[in-house]
Protein backbone atom coordinates (compact mmCIF):
# COMPACT_ATOMS: atom_id res chain seq x y z
CA UNK A 1 177.61 -58.88 123.03
CA UNK A 2 180.58 -56.81 121.93
CA UNK A 3 182.16 -54.31 124.32
CA UNK A 4 184.67 -51.86 122.83
CA UNK A 5 186.72 -49.44 124.93
CA UNK A 6 187.40 -45.91 123.72
CA UNK A 7 189.35 -44.84 126.81
CA UNK A 8 188.53 -43.08 130.07
CA UNK A 9 184.97 -44.22 130.96
CA UNK A 10 183.64 -44.61 127.43
CA UNK A 11 182.40 -47.84 125.90
CA UNK A 12 180.52 -48.87 122.80
CA UNK A 13 178.28 -51.85 123.48
CA UNK A 14 176.77 -53.71 120.55
CA UNK A 15 174.08 -56.16 121.55
CA UNK A 16 171.36 -58.22 119.91
CA UNK A 17 168.26 -58.59 122.08
CA UNK A 18 166.42 -61.91 122.12
CA UNK A 19 164.10 -62.78 119.26
CA UNK A 20 164.45 -63.61 115.60
CA UNK A 21 165.13 -60.85 113.09
CA UNK A 22 166.04 -58.25 115.69
CA UNK A 23 168.75 -55.79 114.70
CA UNK A 24 171.84 -54.98 116.72
CA UNK A 25 171.46 -52.20 119.28
CA UNK A 26 174.44 -49.84 119.65
CA UNK A 27 174.95 -48.10 122.99
CA UNK A 28 177.61 -45.55 123.91
CA UNK A 29 178.42 -44.86 127.55
CA UNK A 30 180.03 -41.60 128.72
CA UNK A 31 181.46 -40.22 125.45
CA UNK A 32 184.27 -37.72 126.12
CA UNK A 33 185.57 -34.58 124.41
CA UNK A 34 189.05 -34.19 122.90
CA UNK A 35 190.12 -32.14 125.93
CA UNK A 36 191.37 -35.27 127.70
CA UNK A 37 193.93 -36.03 124.99
CA UNK A 38 192.14 -38.94 123.33
CA UNK A 39 190.28 -39.04 120.05
CA UNK A 40 186.57 -38.73 120.89
CA UNK A 41 184.38 -41.72 120.09
CA UNK A 42 182.61 -41.78 116.74
CA UNK A 43 179.85 -43.77 115.14
CA UNK A 44 176.12 -44.28 114.95
CA UNK A 45 174.19 -45.20 118.08
CA UNK A 46 170.69 -46.04 119.20
CA UNK A 47 171.31 -45.01 122.78
CA UNK A 48 173.76 -42.85 124.75
CA UNK A 49 174.10 -43.04 128.54
CA UNK A 50 175.65 -40.08 130.37
CA UNK A 51 176.62 -40.44 134.02
CA UNK A 52 177.07 -36.71 134.66
CA UNK A 53 177.39 -33.39 132.86
CA UNK A 54 181.17 -32.97 132.59
CA UNK A 55 182.99 -32.68 129.27
CA UNK A 56 184.95 -35.91 129.76
CA UNK A 57 181.64 -37.82 129.94
CA UNK A 58 178.93 -35.89 128.09
CA UNK A 59 180.15 -35.35 124.51
CA UNK A 60 176.86 -36.45 122.96
CA UNK A 61 177.52 -34.40 119.81
CA UNK A 62 180.31 -36.81 118.81
CA UNK A 63 177.76 -39.60 118.29
CA UNK A 64 175.96 -39.78 114.95
CA UNK A 65 172.37 -40.71 114.22
CA UNK A 66 169.49 -39.72 116.44
CA UNK A 67 170.21 -41.70 119.61
CA UNK A 68 167.98 -41.69 122.66
CA UNK A 69 169.85 -39.87 125.43
CA UNK A 70 169.58 -40.98 129.04
CA UNK A 71 171.26 -38.70 131.57
CA UNK A 72 169.14 -38.95 134.72
CA UNK A 73 168.20 -41.76 137.13
CA UNK A 74 165.14 -43.84 136.33
CA UNK A 75 163.96 -47.07 134.74
CA UNK A 76 163.97 -47.47 130.97
CA UNK A 77 163.28 -50.15 128.38
CA UNK A 78 164.49 -49.25 124.90
CA UNK A 79 164.46 -51.75 122.04
CA UNK A 80 164.40 -54.62 124.54
CA UNK A 81 167.41 -53.29 126.44
CA UNK A 82 166.55 -52.70 130.10
CA UNK A 83 168.29 -49.87 131.93
CA UNK A 84 168.16 -48.61 135.49
CA UNK A 85 169.83 -45.33 136.48
CA UNK A 86 170.71 -44.99 140.17
CA UNK A 87 171.57 -41.66 141.78
CA UNK A 88 174.93 -41.45 143.58
CA UNK A 89 177.53 -38.86 144.61
CA UNK A 90 180.47 -37.62 142.57
CA UNK A 91 182.43 -36.91 145.77
CA UNK A 92 182.56 -38.05 149.38
CA UNK A 93 180.84 -34.91 150.68
CA UNK A 94 177.28 -35.74 149.63
CA UNK A 95 177.73 -34.05 146.27
CA UNK A 96 178.75 -30.67 147.69
CA UNK A 97 181.96 -30.51 145.61
CA UNK A 98 181.10 -32.19 142.29
CA UNK A 99 177.39 -32.88 142.41
CA UNK A 100 175.58 -36.06 141.47
CA UNK A 101 176.52 -39.06 139.37
CA UNK A 102 174.26 -41.66 137.78
CA UNK A 103 175.14 -45.35 138.03
CA UNK A 104 173.73 -47.38 135.15
CA UNK A 105 172.58 -50.97 135.21
CA UNK A 106 172.12 -52.38 131.73
CA UNK A 107 170.63 -55.77 130.84
CA UNK A 108 170.61 -57.40 127.41
CA UNK A 109 171.25 -60.96 126.18
CA UNK A 110 170.76 -61.99 129.82
CA UNK A 111 174.03 -60.22 130.65
CA UNK A 112 173.92 -57.62 133.44
CA UNK A 113 176.36 -54.70 133.29
CA UNK A 114 176.93 -51.99 135.89
CA UNK A 115 178.76 -48.78 134.89
CA UNK A 116 179.55 -46.75 138.00
CA UNK A 117 180.36 -43.53 136.13
CA UNK A 118 182.34 -41.05 138.24
CA UNK A 119 181.41 -42.58 141.57
CA UNK A 120 183.13 -40.56 144.27
CA UNK A 121 181.90 -42.23 147.45
CA UNK A 122 181.17 -45.63 148.93
CA UNK A 123 177.93 -47.32 147.98
CA UNK A 124 175.14 -47.44 150.55
CA UNK A 125 173.11 -50.54 151.35
CA UNK A 126 170.28 -49.68 149.00
CA UNK A 127 172.66 -49.08 146.08
CA UNK A 128 174.49 -52.33 146.79
CA UNK A 129 171.20 -54.18 146.89
CA UNK A 130 170.23 -52.84 143.46
CA UNK A 131 173.65 -53.67 141.97
CA UNK A 132 173.83 -57.13 143.53
CA UNK A 133 174.14 -59.92 140.98
CA UNK A 134 175.74 -57.95 138.13
CA UNK A 135 177.94 -59.89 135.75
CA UNK A 136 180.23 -57.07 134.58
CA UNK A 137 181.26 -54.17 136.80
CA UNK A 138 182.83 -51.09 135.21
CA UNK A 139 184.44 -49.27 138.12
CA UNK A 140 186.56 -46.08 138.36
CA UNK A 141 190.00 -46.49 139.97
CA UNK A 142 191.89 -43.26 139.19
CA UNK A 143 191.17 -41.24 142.32
CA UNK A 144 191.10 -37.43 142.61
CA UNK A 145 187.74 -37.05 140.83
CA UNK A 146 186.46 -40.54 141.69
CA UNK A 147 187.11 -43.33 144.14
CA UNK A 148 190.69 -44.60 144.03
CA UNK A 149 192.07 -48.10 143.53
CA UNK A 150 191.90 -49.02 147.20
CA UNK A 151 188.26 -47.97 147.61
CA UNK A 152 187.40 -49.68 144.32
CA UNK A 153 188.68 -53.01 145.68
CA UNK A 154 186.57 -52.59 148.83
CA UNK A 155 183.46 -52.05 146.69
CA UNK A 156 184.30 -54.94 144.37
CA UNK A 157 184.50 -57.33 147.32
CA UNK A 158 181.00 -56.28 148.38
CA UNK A 159 179.54 -56.83 144.90
CA UNK A 160 181.59 -59.86 143.74
CA UNK A 161 180.88 -59.49 140.00
CA UNK A 162 181.96 -62.11 137.51
CA UNK A 163 184.07 -59.65 135.50
CA UNK A 164 185.66 -56.35 136.56
CA UNK A 165 186.62 -53.68 134.03
CA UNK A 166 188.53 -50.71 135.55
CA UNK A 167 187.68 -47.28 134.11
CA UNK A 168 188.65 -43.63 134.64
CA UNK A 169 192.36 -44.26 135.10
CA UNK A 170 195.47 -42.74 133.53
CA UNK A 171 196.34 -43.99 130.06
CA UNK A 172 199.58 -42.95 128.38
CA UNK A 173 197.57 -40.91 125.88
CA UNK A 174 195.43 -39.01 128.41
CA UNK A 175 196.25 -35.61 129.86
CA UNK A 176 194.23 -36.09 133.04
CA UNK A 177 195.94 -35.92 136.43
CA UNK A 178 194.68 -39.22 137.80
CA UNK A 179 196.30 -42.50 138.88
CA UNK A 180 197.05 -45.35 136.51
CA UNK A 181 196.05 -48.94 137.25
CA UNK A 182 199.08 -49.83 139.43
CA UNK A 183 197.56 -49.05 142.84
CA UNK A 184 194.40 -50.93 141.98
CA UNK A 185 196.31 -53.94 140.68
CA UNK A 186 198.54 -54.03 143.77
CA UNK A 187 195.46 -53.94 146.00
CA UNK A 188 193.48 -56.62 144.18
CA UNK A 189 196.49 -58.74 143.29
CA UNK A 190 195.43 -60.48 140.09
CA UNK A 191 195.53 -58.04 137.16
CA UNK A 192 196.40 -59.47 133.75
CA UNK A 193 199.62 -58.41 132.04
CA UNK A 194 197.91 -57.80 128.70
CA UNK A 195 195.30 -55.19 127.83
CA UNK A 196 192.58 -55.57 125.21
CA UNK A 197 190.52 -52.99 123.31
CA UNK A 198 187.37 -55.08 122.88
CA UNK A 199 185.74 -58.23 124.17
CA UNK A 200 182.99 -60.49 122.86
CA UNK A 201 180.83 -62.24 125.43
CA UNK A 202 177.88 -64.58 125.61
CA UNK A 203 176.00 -65.48 128.77
CA UNK A 204 177.54 -68.97 128.80
CA UNK A 205 181.04 -67.44 128.86
CA UNK A 206 180.33 -66.02 132.32
CA UNK A 207 179.48 -69.33 133.99
CA UNK A 208 182.97 -70.02 135.37
CA UNK A 209 184.05 -66.41 135.95
CA UNK A 210 184.68 -65.13 139.46
CA UNK A 211 185.92 -61.55 139.86
CA UNK A 212 188.08 -61.81 136.75
CA UNK A 213 189.77 -58.52 135.85
CA UNK A 214 189.95 -57.30 132.27
CA UNK A 215 192.24 -54.33 131.67
CA UNK A 216 191.31 -52.43 128.54
CA UNK A 217 193.21 -50.02 126.33
CA UNK A 218 192.44 -47.86 123.32
CA UNK A 219 192.77 -49.60 119.97
C-alpha cells in the first residue's frame, strides 16, 4: 500500500486487494480547493472519500475519471476495499456551529486505516469501540476548526494505533489560520525530525510498530 500526502487532510492511497490479477485501486481522501494555498490534488481515482462539505475537503472536481463518491456514513465494499463511515461532530457543541463530520475506516491488504476528517470533539464510547484496533490513525491537530494537538494526544492514547499521521495542521505553504505541529509534538513527545511525502507499507511492516508518528509534507 502506498500513501501519498497532498497536504491538509488529503491523501492518495494506492492499494492492491488480495487475489491474483487484481488491479490497483486508487483512493483520494478529502481533496481540497486552491483556496487554502496549496495546489489541489490531481489524478485518476476509483474512489473519493469526503468527510464533510467544506471547500478544503470536498473538491471532487479536481479528481479525474469517474470515481465512486462516498460522503455520508454507512458501510461500503468497493472493489474489495471495505469502508465504514461513522458520523461525528465538526465542533464541540454537538454540531451546532459546523455541522457533522464523517470518520472513515478503510481496510485493504489487511491494513486498517482511520481518517478522522475534521473531528471537532472527543470520541464517545461507541465511536472508540468501532475504531479500536486500527493500524494507521490520521488525526487532525491544528485546532480552531478541529481538535487541537492536546486533545489529539488524549484520543491517540485511547486508541493506541500502530502508526499516527497528523493532518489538518499549518504547513508553510497553507494560508489557513491553524496551528502547526509544534503543540502536538510537545504533548506527545516523540515526533520525528524529518517529514516525508509518501510511505509504502505492507502488513508485516506494522508488526513492531507502537504509536509511531509519521509527519508528512507536500512533495
